Protein backbone atom coordinates (compact mmCIF):
# COMPACT_ATOMS: atom_id res chain seq x y z
CA MET A 1 156.89 138.72 141.73
CA GLU A 2 156.03 135.33 143.21
CA ALA A 3 158.80 133.73 141.16
CA LEU A 4 161.38 135.76 143.07
CA TYR A 5 160.33 134.10 146.32
CA LEU A 6 161.45 130.81 144.80
CA LEU A 7 164.40 131.91 142.64
CA ILE A 8 166.33 133.95 145.20
CA PRO A 9 166.60 131.19 147.86
CA LEU A 10 167.27 128.64 145.12
CA SER A 11 170.13 130.70 143.69
CA VAL A 12 171.60 131.28 147.16
CA CYS A 13 171.53 127.53 147.79
CA LEU A 14 173.16 126.87 144.42
CA VAL A 15 175.96 129.34 145.11
CA ALA A 16 176.50 127.85 148.58
CA LEU A 17 176.72 124.38 147.03
CA ALA A 18 179.26 125.56 144.44
CA ILE A 19 181.40 127.17 147.15
CA TRP A 20 181.20 124.01 149.28
CA VAL A 21 182.28 121.82 146.32
CA PHE A 22 185.16 124.17 145.48
CA PHE A 23 186.52 124.27 149.02
CA GLY A 24 186.05 120.51 149.36
CA ALA A 25 188.15 119.96 146.24
CA SER A 26 190.71 122.46 147.44
CA ASP A 27 191.03 120.81 150.86
CA SER A 28 191.46 117.37 149.29
CA GLY A 29 194.49 118.59 147.33
CA GLN A 30 193.02 118.45 143.86
CA PHE A 31 194.62 121.77 142.85
CA ASP A 32 198.08 121.12 144.29
CA ASP A 33 199.93 120.14 141.12
CA LEU A 34 198.43 121.72 138.03
CA GLU A 35 201.45 121.39 135.73
CA GLY A 36 202.63 117.85 136.49
CA PRO A 37 199.96 115.86 134.62
CA GLY A 38 200.28 118.08 131.53
CA ILE A 39 204.04 117.61 131.42
CA ARG A 40 203.84 113.86 132.05
CA VAL A 41 201.67 113.48 128.95
CA LEU A 42 204.40 114.99 126.79
CA HIS A 43 207.14 112.62 128.02
CA ASP A 44 207.45 109.42 126.07
CA ASP A 45 207.95 106.47 128.39
CA ASP A 46 208.53 103.97 125.60
CA SER A 47 212.25 103.99 124.87
CA VAL A 48 213.48 102.44 121.65
CA GLU A 49 216.64 100.43 122.12
């Protein structure tokens, strides 16, 4: 029972930290273009002439 006094606040802090990191990444624009980098990898920039 004493472990719950430690684990519940610790898990609430961990969830709050995860939410803060997610919204920080979202506000910085990290999730704006999800398809562009994957498509750019497939295009070959080296043209043979």
